[in-house]
Amino acid sequence: MHARADLIQAPRAARRYRNLLLDAGFHDVTVEVPTAVFTDATMLPMLSGMAEAAREAGAIAGEQAAAWIADQEERPRSGRTFLALPLFVAAGRRE
């Protein structure tokens, strides 16, 4: 996961949403975390990218990445895919 996060410019920005809004002068700041659930192959490119990033970072061997990706490719065919993706949404009011 860390190898994948390192590919993103600010991978932990969502954790700071509330404080960023407060620091910018917003009031009544709220944060919600709706979660998207995927049970098909929609997110397969993201999952494959995570395995490739881990391989490139040296966290896993190429064979391990290939086996994990193959497993993820099989899951939609057998109805066994489950991916929950939280989405952070922050809102506030500024006078």
PDB file of N, CA and C in Angstrom:
ATOM      1  N   MET A   1       0.817  -1.187   0.000  1.00  0.00           N
ATOM      2  CA  MET A   1       0.000   0.000   0.000  1.00  0.00           C
ATOM      3  C   MET A   1       0.865   1.258   0.000  1.00  0.00           C
ATOM      4  N   HIS A   2       1.933   1.245   0.785  1.00  0.00           N
ATOM      5  CA  HIS A   2       2.793   2.427   0.848  1.00  0.00           C
ATOM      6  C   HIS A   2       3.453   2.694  -0.502  1.00  0.00           C
ATOM      7  N   ALA A   3       3.830   1.623  -1.205  1.00  0.00           N
ATOM      8  CA  ALA A   3       4.445   1.795  -2.518  1.00  0.00           C
ATOM      9  C   ALA A   3       3.474   2.466  -3.476  1.00  0.00           C
ATOM     10  N   ARG A   4       2.213   2.083  -3.418  1.00  0.00           N
ATOM     11  CA  ARG A   4       1.195   2.698  -4.277  1.00  0.00           C
ATOM     12  C   ARG A   4       0.945   4.143  -3.866  1.00  0.00           C
ATOM     13  N   ALA A   5       0.865   4.382  -2.568  1.00  0.00           N
ATOM     14  CA  ALA A   5       0.622   5.740  -2.071  1.00  0.00           C
ATOM     15  C   ALA A   5       1.756   6.684  -2.470  1.00  0.00           C
ATOM     16  N   ASP A   6       2.967   6.161  -2.521  1.00  0.00           N
ATOM     17  CA  ASP A   6       4.107   7.004  -2.884  1.00  0.00           C
ATOM     18  C   ASP A   6       4.049   7.488  -4.323  1.00  0.00           C
ATOM     19  N   LEU A   7       3.199   6.891  -5.147  1.00  0.00           N
ATOM     20  CA  LEU A   7       3.046   7.329  -6.529  1.00  0.00           C
ATOM     21  C   LEU A   7       2.106   8.520  -6.665  1.00  0.00           C
ATOM     22  N   ILE A   8       1.409   8.861  -5.592  1.00  0.00           N
ATOM     23  CA  ILE A   8       0.444   9.955  -5.597  1.00  0.00           C
ATOM     24  C   ILE A   8       1.084  11.171  -4.937  1.00  0.00           C
ATOM     25  N   GLN A   9       0.861  12.357  -5.489  1.00  0.00           N
ATOM     26  CA  GLN A   9       1.508  13.568  -5.000  1.00  0.00           C
ATOM     27  C   GLN A   9       1.230  13.825  -3.527  1.00  0.00           C
ATOM     28  N   ALA A  10      -0.007  13.696  -3.080  1.00  0.00           N
ATOM     29  CA  ALA A  10      -0.367  13.934  -1.675  1.00  0.00           C
ATOM     30  C   ALA A  10      -1.297  12.815  -1.207  1.00  0.00           C
ATOM     31  N   PRO A  11      -0.760  11.606  -0.993  1.00  0.00           N
ATOM     32  CA  PRO A  11      -1.620  10.455  -0.722  1.00  0.00           C
ATOM     33  C   PRO A  11      -2.400  10.529   0.586  1.00  0.00           C
ATOM     34  N   ARG A  12      -1.980  11.377   1.496  1.00  0.00           N
ATOM     35  CA  ARG A  12      -2.661  11.450   2.790  1.00  0.00           C
ATOM     36  C   ARG A  12      -3.428  12.764   2.975  1.00  0.00           C
ATOM     37  N   ALA A  13      -3.688  13.441   1.887  1.00  0.00           N
ATOM     38  CA  ALA A  13      -4.365  14.738   1.952  1.00  0.00           C
ATOM     39  C   ALA A  13      -5.760  14.633   2.553  1.00  0.00           C
ATOM     40  N   ALA A  14      -6.477  13.559   2.275  1.00  0.00           N
ATOM     41  CA  ALA A  14      -7.848  13.418   2.776  1.00  0.00           C
ATOM     42  C   ALA A  14      -7.885  13.440   4.298  1.00  0.00           C
ATOM     43  N   ARG A  15      -6.837  12.947   4.922  1.00  0.00           N
ATOM     44  CA  ARG A  15      -6.781  12.961   6.388  1.00  0.00           C
ATOM     45  C   ARG A  15      -6.696  14.380   6.938  1.00  0.00           C
ATOM     46  N   ARG A  16      -6.288  15.311   6.093  1.00  0.00           N
ATOM     47  CA  ARG A  16      -6.114  16.702   6.530  1.00  0.00           C
ATOM     48  C   ARG A  16      -7.252  17.616   6.093  1.00  0.00           C
ATOM     49  N   TYR A  17      -8.247  17.093   5.380  1.00  0.00           N
ATOM     50  CA  TYR A  17      -9.322  17.932   4.847  1.00  0.00           C
ATOM     51  C   TYR A  17      -9.923  18.856   5.907  1.00  0.00           C
ATOM     52  N   ARG A  18     -10.306  18.289   7.032  1.00  0.00           N
ATOM     53  CA  ARG A  18     -10.982  19.078   8.067  1.00  0.00           C
ATOM     54  C   ARG A  18     -10.092  20.227   8.545  1.00  0.00           C
ATOM     55  N   ASN A  19      -8.856  19.911   8.890  1.00  0.00           N
ATOM     56  CA  ASN A  19      -7.955  20.954   9.382  1.00  0.00           C
ATOM     57  C   ASN A  19      -7.621  21.981   8.314  1.00  0.00           C
ATOM     58  N   LEU A  20      -7.504  21.555   7.074  1.00  0.00           N
ATOM     59  CA  LEU A  20      -7.240  22.500   5.995  1.00  0.00           C
ATOM     60  C   LEU A  20      -8.376  23.517   5.869  1.00  0.00           C
ATOM     61  N   LEU A  21      -9.611  23.030   5.944  1.00  0.00           N
ATOM     62  CA  LEU A  21     -10.750  23.942   5.868  1.00  0.00           C
ATOM     63  C   LEU A  21     -10.789  24.867   7.089  1.00  0.00           C
ATOM     64  N   LEU A  22     -10.548  24.331   8.257  1.00  0.00           N
ATOM     65  CA  LEU A  22     -10.526  25.171   9.465  1.00  0.00           C
ATOM     66  C   LEU A  22      -9.424  26.221   9.366  1.00  0.00           C
ATOM     67  N   ASP A  23      -8.247  25.824   8.915  1.00  0.00           N
ATOM     68  CA  ASP A  23      -7.132  26.767   8.760  1.00  0.00           C
ATOM     69  C   ASP A  23      -7.426  27.839   7.721  1.00  0.00           C
ATOM     70  N   ALA A  24      -8.297  27.543   6.755  1.00  0.00           N
ATOM     71  CA  ALA A  24      -8.651  28.502   5.706  1.00  0.00           C
ATOM     72  C   ALA A  24      -9.819  29.401   6.125  1.00  0.00           C
ATOM     73  N   GLY A  25     -10.274  29.264   7.377  1.00  0.00           N
ATOM     74  CA  GLY A  25     -11.321  30.139   7.878  1.00  0.00           C
ATOM     75  C   GLY A  25     -12.733  29.607   7.751  1.00  0.00           C
ATOM     76  N   PHE A  26     -12.894  28.353   7.419  1.00  0.00           N
ATOM     77  CA  PHE A  26     -14.227  27.773   7.326  1.00  0.00           C
ATOM     78  C   PHE A  26     -14.735  27.390   8.711  1.00  0.00           C
ATOM     79  N   HIS A  27     -16.064  27.419   8.879  1.00  0.00           N
ATOM     80  CA  HIS A  27     -16.713  27.051  10.133  1.00  0.00           C
ATOM     81  C   HIS A  27     -17.677  25.902   9.864  1.00  0.00           C
ATOM     82  N   ASP A  28     -18.143  25.289  10.927  1.00  0.00           N
ATOM     83  CA  ASP A  28     -19.098  24.181  10.806  1.00  0.00           C
ATOM     84  C   ASP A  28     -18.605  23.131   9.808  1.00  0.00           C
ATOM     85  N   VAL A  29     -17.348  22.804   9.920  1.00  0.00           N
ATOM     86  CA  VAL A  29     -16.743  21.847   8.989  1.00  0.00           C
ATOM     87  C   VAL A  29     -17.219  20.427   9.329  1.00  0.00           C
ATOM     88  N   THR A  30     -17.639  19.734   8.315  1.00  0.00           N
ATOM     89  CA  THR A  30     -18.045  18.336   8.476  1.00  0.00           C
ATOM     90  C   THR A  30     -17.259  17.473   7.495  1.00  0.00           C
ATOM     91  N   VAL A  31     -17.085  16.239   7.860  1.00  0.00           N
ATOM     92  CA  VAL A  31     -16.428  15.274   6.978  1.00  0.00           C
ATOM     93  C   VAL A  31     -17.297  14.027   6.942  1.00  0.00           C
ATOM     94  N   GLU A  32     -17.601  13.581   5.753  1.00  0.00           N
ATOM     95  CA  GLU A  32     -18.351  12.347   5.562  1.00  0.00           C
ATOM     96  C   GLU A  32     -17.473  11.368   4.777  1.00  0.00           C
ATOM     97  N   VAL A  33     -17.709  10.105   4.987  1.00  0.00           N
ATOM     98  CA  VAL A  33     -16.935   9.090   4.284  1.00  0.00           C
ATOM     99  C   VAL A  33     -17.882   8.063   3.668  1.00  0.00           C
ATOM    100  N   PRO A  34     -18.493   8.410   2.521  1.00  0.00           N
ATOM    101  CA  PRO A  34     -19.279   7.395   1.829  1.00  0.00           C
ATOM    102  C   PRO A  34     -18.320   6.338   1.276  1.00  0.00           C
ATOM    103  N   THR A  35     -18.783   5.140   1.200  1.00  0.00           N
ATOM    104  CA  THR A  35     -17.943   4.039   0.729  1.00  0.00           C
ATOM    105  C   THR A  35     -18.554   3.417  -0.514  1.00  0.00           C
ATOM    106  N   ALA A  36     -17.747   3.362  -1.563  1.00  0.00           N
ATOM    107  CA  ALA A  36     -18.169   2.698  -2.790  1.00  0.00           C
ATOM    108  C   ALA A  36     -17.783   1.227  -2.683  1.00  0.00           C
ATOM    109  N   VAL A  37     -18.688   0.346  -3.064  1.00  0.00           N
ATOM    110  CA  VAL A  37     -18.429  -1.091  -3.022  1.00  0.00           C
ATOM    111  C   VAL A  37     -18.489  -1.623  -4.450  1.00  0.00           C
ATOM    112  N   PHE A  38     -17.435  -2.346  -4.827  1.00  0.00           N
ATOM    113  CA  PHE A  38     -17.341  -2.911  -6.167  1.00  0.00           C
ATOM    114  C   PHE A  38     -17.320  -4.436  -6.056  1.00  0.00           C
ATOM    115  N   THR A  39     -18.151  -5.092  -6.838  1.00  0.00           N
ATOM    116  CA  THR A  39     -18.209  -6.553  -6.833  1.00  0.00           C
ATOM    117  C   THR A  39     -18.016  -7.118  -8.241  1.00  0.00           C
ATOM    118  N   ASP A  40     -17.444  -6.296  -9.117  1.00  0.00           N
ATOM    119  CA  ASP A  40     -17.167  -6.729 -10.484  1.00  0.00           C
ATOM    120  C   ASP A  40     -15.732  -6.348 -10.838  1.00  0.00           C
ATOM    121  N   ALA A  41     -15.403  -6.354 -12.097  1.00  0.00           N
ATOM    122  CA  ALA A  41     -14.029  -6.094 -12.541  1.00  0.00           C
ATOM    123  C   ALA A  41     -13.708  -4.617 -12.728  1.00  0.00           C
ATOM    124  N   THR A  42     -14.600  -3.734 -12.356  1.00  0.00           N
ATOM    125  CA  THR A  42     -14.411  -2.298 -12.583  1.00  0.00           C
ATOM    126  C   THR A  42     -13.071  -1.779 -12.070  1.00  0.00           C
ATOM    127  N   MET A  43     -12.688  -2.192 -10.881  1.00  0.00           N
ATOM    128  CA  MET A  43     -11.482  -1.659 -10.250  1.00  0.00           C
ATOM    129  C   MET A  43     -10.247  -2.529 -10.473  1.00  0.00           C
ATOM    130  N   LEU A  44     -10.331  -3.501 -11.362  1.00  0.00           N
ATOM    131  CA  LEU A  44      -9.197  -4.374 -11.631  1.00  0.00           C
ATOM    132  C   LEU A  44      -7.943  -3.598 -12.041  1.00  0.00           C
ATOM    133  N   PRO A  45      -8.028  -2.558 -12.880  1.00  0.00           N
ATOM    134  CA  PRO A  45      -6.811  -1.797 -13.206  1.00  0.00           C
ATOM    135  C   PRO A  45      -6.149  -1.183 -11.965  1.00  0.00           C
ATOM    136  N   MET A  46      -6.944  -0.693 -11.025  1.00  0.00           N
ATOM    137  CA  MET A  46      -6.374  -0.127  -9.804  1.00  0.00           C
ATOM    138  C   MET A  46      -5.676  -1.215  -8.985  1.00  0.00           C
ATOM    139  N   LEU A  47      -6.322  -2.369  -8.854  1.00  0.00           N
ATOM    140  CA  LEU A  47      -5.737  -3.469  -8.082  1.00  0.00           C
ATOM    141  C   LEU A  47      -4.442  -3.958  -8.730  1.00  0.00           C
ATOM    142  N   SER A  48      -4.442  -4.083 -10.044  1.00  0.00           N
ATOM    143  CA  SER A  48      -3.230  -4.504 -10.752  1.00  0.00           C
ATOM    144  C   SER A  48      -2.122  -3.469 -10.571  1.00  0.00           C
ATOM    145  N   GLY A  49      -2.490  -2.215 -10.602  1.00  0.00           N
ATOM    146  CA  GLY A  49      -1.514  -1.140 -10.390  1.00  0.00           C
ATOM    147  C   GLY A  49      -0.893  -1.187  -9.007  1.00  0.00           C
ATOM    148  N   MET A  50      -1.681  -1.560  -8.008  1.00  0.00           N
ATOM    149  CA  MET A  50      -1.152  -1.685  -6.654  1.00  0.00           C
ATOM    150  C   MET A  50      -0.103  -2.799  -6.592  1.00  0.00           C
ATOM    151  N   ALA A  51      -0.407  -3.920  -7.222  1.00  0.00           N
ATOM    152  CA  ALA A  51       0.538  -5.038  -7.227  1.00  0.00           C
ATOM    153  C   ALA A  51       1.808  -4.660  -7.987  1.00  0.00           C
ATOM    154  N   GLU A  52       1.656  -3.979  -9.108  1.00  0.00           N
ATOM    155  CA  GLU A  52       2.824  -3.568  -9.887  1.00  0.00           C
ATOM    156  C   GLU A  52       3.673  -2.566  -9.108  1.00  0.00           C
ATOM    157  N   ALA A  53       3.040  -1.652  -8.390  1.00  0.00           N
ATOM    158  CA  ALA A  53       3.788  -0.685  -7.582  1.00  0.00           C
ATOM    159  C   ALA A  53       4.556  -1.391  -6.474  1.00  0.00           C
ATOM    160  N   ALA A  54       3.924  -2.379  -5.863  1.00  0.00           N
ATOM    161  CA  ALA A  54       4.606  -3.150  -4.802  1.00  0.00           C
ATOM    162  C   ALA A  54       5.796  -3.908  -5.384  1.00  0.00           C
ATOM    163  N   ARG A  55       5.622  -4.464  -6.581  1.00  0.00           N
ATOM    164  CA  ARG A  55       6.716  -5.175  -7.245  1.00  0.00           C
ATOM    165  C   ARG A  55       7.858  -4.226  -7.578  1.00  0.00           C
ATOM    166  N   GLU A  56       7.525  -3.069  -8.143  1.00  0.00           N
ATOM    167  CA  GLU A  56       8.548  -2.091  -8.520  1.00  0.00           C
ATOM    168  C   GLU A  56       9.306  -1.560  -7.306  1.00  0.00           C
ATOM    169  N   ALA A  57       8.625  -1.486  -6.164  1.00  0.00           N
ATOM    170  CA  ALA A  57       9.263  -1.001  -4.935  1.00  0.00           C
ATOM    171  C   ALA A  57      10.086  -2.092  -4.266  1.00  0.00           C
ATOM    172  N   GLY A  58      10.006  -3.323  -4.785  1.00  0.00           N
ATOM    173  CA  GLY A  58      10.749  -4.421  -4.199  1.00  0.00           C
ATOM    174  C   GLY A  58      10.077  -5.057  -3.002  1.00  0.00           C
ATOM    175  N   ALA A  59       8.808  -4.695  -2.758  1.00  0.00           N
ATOM    176  CA  ALA A  59       8.078  -5.252  -1.612  1.00  0.00           C
ATOM    177  C   ALA A  59       7.650  -6.692  -1.864  1.00  0.00           C
ATOM    178  N   ILE A  60       7.427  -7.030  -3.123  1.00  0.00           N
ATOM    179  CA  ILE A  60       7.071  -8.405  -3.495  1.00  0.00           C
ATOM    180  C   ILE A  60       7.814  -8.771  -4.775  1.00  0.00           C
ATOM    181  N   ALA A  61       7.941 -10.068  -5.004  1.00  0.00           N
ATOM    182  CA  ALA A  61       8.598 -10.553  -6.227  1.00  0.00           C
ATOM    183  C   ALA A  61       7.627 -10.490  -7.404  1.00  0.00           C
ATOM    184  N   GLY A  62       8.168 -10.518  -8.596  1.00  0.00           N
ATOM    185  CA  GLY A  62       7.349 -10.491  -9.801  1.00  0.00           C
ATOM    186  C   GLY A  62       6.358 -11.635  -9.860  1.00  0.00           C
ATOM    187  N   GLU A  63       6.790 -12.812  -9.409  1.00  0.00           N
ATOM    188  CA  GLU A  63       5.902 -13.973  -9.406  1.00  0.00           C
ATOM    189  C   GLU A  63       4.737 -13.775  -8.443  1.00  0.00           C
ATOM    190  N   GLN A  64       5.016 -13.154  -7.312  1.00  0.00           N
ATOM    191  CA  GLN A  64       3.954 -12.889  -6.336  1.00  0.00           C
ATOM    192  C   GLN A  64       2.943 -11.897  -6.912  1.00  0.00           C
ATOM    193  N   ALA A  65       3.429 -10.852  -7.569  1.00  0.00           N
ATOM    194  CA  ALA A  65       2.532  -9.870  -8.182  1.00  0.00           C
ATOM    195  C   ALA A  65       1.669 -10.543  -9.248  1.00  0.00           C
ATOM    196  N   ALA A  66       2.301 -11.361 -10.084  1.00  0.00           N
ATOM    197  CA  ALA A  66       1.567 -12.031 -11.163  1.00  0.00           C
ATOM    198  C   ALA A  66       0.500 -12.967 -10.597  1.00  0.00           C
ATOM    199  N   ALA A  67       0.836 -13.701  -9.550  1.00  0.00           N
ATOM    200  CA  ALA A  67      -0.141 -14.620  -8.940  1.00  0.00           C
ATOM    201  C   ALA A  67      -1.299 -13.849  -8.320  1.00  0.00           C
ATOM    202  N   TRP A  68      -1.000 -12.749  -7.655  1.00  0.00           N
ATOM    203  CA  TRP A  68      -2.056 -11.963  -7.008  1.00  0.00           C
ATOM    204  C   TRP A  68      -2.971 -11.341  -8.062  1.00  0.00           C
ATOM    205  N   ILE A  69      -2.381 -10.813  -9.123  1.00  0.00           N
ATOM    206  CA  ILE A  69      -3.177 -10.218 -10.206  1.00  0.00           C
ATOM    207  C   ILE A  69      -4.060 -11.289 -10.854  1.00  0.00           C
ATOM    208  N   ALA A  70      -3.505 -12.470 -11.082  1.00  0.00           N
ATOM    209  CA  ALA A  70      -4.300 -13.561 -11.663  1.00  0.00           C
ATOM    210  C   ALA A  70      -5.483 -13.904 -10.756  1.00  0.00           C
ATOM    211  N   ASP A  71      -5.252 -13.906  -9.457  1.00  0.00           N
ATOM    212  CA  ASP A  71      -6.338 -14.176  -8.514  1.00  0.00           C
ATOM    213  C   ASP A  71      -7.413 -13.095  -8.607  1.00  0.00           C
ATOM    214  N   GLN A  72      -6.989 -11.835  -8.711  1.00  0.00           N
ATOM    215  CA  GLN A  72      -7.954 -10.733  -8.811  1.00  0.00           C
ATOM    216  C   GLN A  72      -8.736 -10.800 -10.111  1.00  0.00           C
ATOM    217  N   GLU A  73      -8.088 -11.259 -11.179  1.00  0.00           N
ATOM    218  CA  GLU A  73      -8.779 -11.415 -12.468  1.00  0.00           C
ATOM    219  C   GLU A  73      -9.804 -12.545 -12.423  1.00  0.00           C
ATOM    220  N   GLU A  74      -9.553 -13.572 -11.643  1.00  0.00           N
ATOM    221  CA  GLU A  74     -10.473 -14.701 -11.525  1.00  0.00           C
ATOM    222  C   GLU A  74     -11.688 -14.354 -10.669  1.00  0.00           C
ATOM    223  N   ARG A  75     -11.515 -13.507  -9.688  1.00  0.00           N
ATOM    224  CA  ARG A  75     -12.598 -13.202  -8.749  1.00  0.00           C
ATOM    225  C   ARG A  75     -13.882 -12.711  -9.417  1.00  0.00           C
ATOM    226  N   PRO A  76     -13.850 -11.786 -10.382  1.00  0.00           N
ATOM    227  CA  PRO A  76     -15.117 -11.375 -11.017  1.00  0.00           C
ATOM    228  C   PRO A  76     -15.800 -12.522 -11.759  1.00  0.00           C
ATOM    229  N   ARG A  77     -15.006 -13.389 -12.349  1.00  0.00           N
ATOM    230  CA  ARG A  77     -15.582 -14.523 -13.083  1.00  0.00           C
ATOM    231  C   ARG A  77     -16.292 -15.501 -12.154  1.00  0.00           C
ATOM    232  N   SER A  78     -15.812 -15.599 -10.918  1.00  0.00           N
ATOM    233  CA  SER A  78     -16.427 -16.533  -9.969  1.00  0.00           C
ATOM    234  C   SER A  78     -17.369 -15.840  -8.985  1.00  0.00           C
ATOM    235  N   GLY A  79     -17.621 -14.540  -9.206  1.00  0.00           N
ATOM    236  CA  GLY A  79     -18.529 -13.803  -8.324  1.00  0.00           C
ATOM    237  C   GLY A  79     -17.963 -13.552  -6.938  1.00  0.00           C
ATOM    238  N   ARG A  80     -16.640 -13.482  -6.814  1.00  0.00           N
ATOM    239  CA  ARG A  80     -15.992 -13.354  -5.512  1.00  0.00           C
ATOM    240  C   ARG A  80     -15.278 -12.029  -5.300  1.00  0.00           C
ATOM    241  N   THR A  81     -15.515 -11.040  -6.158  1.00  0.00           N
ATOM    242  CA  THR A  81     -14.869  -9.744  -5.984  1.00  0.00           C
ATOM    243  C   THR A  81     -15.560  -8.940  -4.892  1.00  0.00           C
ATOM    244  N   PHE A  82     -14.761  -8.321  -4.051  1.00  0.00           N
ATOM    245  CA  PHE A  82     -15.288  -7.369  -3.061  1.00  0.00           C
ATOM    246  C   PHE A  82     -14.208  -6.343  -2.790  1.00  0.00           C
ATOM    247  N   LEU A  83     -14.487  -5.093  -3.144  1.00  0.00           N
ATOM    248  CA  LEU A  83     -13.575  -3.989  -2.880  1.00  0.00           C
ATOM    249  C   LEU A  83     -14.390  -2.840  -2.312  1.00  0.00           C
ATOM    250  N   ALA A  84     -14.031  -2.386  -1.138  1.00  0.00           N
ATOM    251  CA  ALA A  84     -14.691  -1.234  -0.522  1.00  0.00           C
ATOM    252  C   ALA A  84     -13.716  -0.065  -0.576  1.00  0.00           C
ATOM    253  N   LEU A  85     -14.148   1.040  -1.155  1.00  0.00           N
ATOM    254  CA  LEU A  85     -13.295   2.203  -1.351  1.00  0.00           C
ATOM    255  C   LEU A  85     -13.907   3.417  -0.658  1.00  0.00           C
ATOM    256  N   PRO A  86     -13.337   3.855   0.465  1.00  0.00           N
ATOM    257  CA  PRO A  86     -13.877   5.028   1.153  1.00  0.00           C
ATOM    258  C   PRO A  86     -13.515   6.313   0.404  1.00  0.00           C
ATOM    259  N   LEU A  87     -14.454   7.238   0.346  1.00  0.00           N
ATOM    260  CA  LEU A  87     -14.262   8.531  -0.311  1.00  0.00           C
ATOM    261  C   LEU A  87     -14.509   9.625   0.717  1.00  0.00           C
ATOM    262  N   PHE A  88     -13.485  10.396   1.031  1.00  0.00           N
ATOM    263  CA  PHE A  88     -13.608  11.459   2.025  1.00  0.00           C
ATOM    264  C   PHE A  88     -14.166  12.716   1.375  1.00  0.00           C
ATOM    265  N   VAL A  89     -15.222  13.264   1.965  1.00  0.00           N
ATOM    266  CA  VAL A  89     -15.855  14.485   1.466  1.00  0.00           C
ATOM    267  C   VAL A  89     -15.960  15.464   2.635  1.00  0.00           C
ATOM    268  N   ALA A  90     -15.334  16.625   2.483  1.00  0.00           N
ATOM    269  CA  ALA A  90     -15.357  17.636   3.552  1.00  0.00           C
ATOM    270  C   ALA A  90     -16.091  18.865   3.040  1.00  0.00           C
ATOM    271  N   ALA A  91     -16.827  19.496   3.945  1.00  0.00           N
ATOM    272  CA  ALA A  91     -17.564  20.719   3.591  1.00  0.00           C
ATOM    273  C   ALA A  91     -17.515  21.667   4.779  1.00  0.00           C
ATOM    274  N   GLY A  92     -17.619  22.943   4.487  1.00  0.00           N
ATOM    275  CA  GLY A  92     -17.632  23.948   5.546  1.00  0.00           C
ATOM    276  C   GLY A  92     -18.298  25.206   5.050  1.00  0.00           C
ATOM    277  N   ARG A  93     -18.416  26.146   5.960  1.00  0.00           N
ATOM    278  CA  ARG A  93     -19.080  27.406   5.669  1.00  0.00           C
ATOM    279  C   ARG A  93     -18.110  28.526   6.006  1.00  0.00           C
ATOM    280  N   ARG A  94     -18.038  29.518   5.147  1.00  0.00           N
ATOM    281  CA  ARG A  94     -17.178  30.677   5.413  1.00  0.00           C
ATOM    282  C   ARG A  94     -17.996  31.944   5.224  1.00  0.00           C
ATOM    283  N   GLU A  95     -17.913  32.790   6.192  1.00  0.00           N
ATOM    284  CA  GLU A  95     -18.697  34.031   6.160  1.00  0.00           C
ATOM    285  C   GLU A  95     -17.938  35.167   5.542  1.00  0.00           C
TER     286      GLU A  95
END
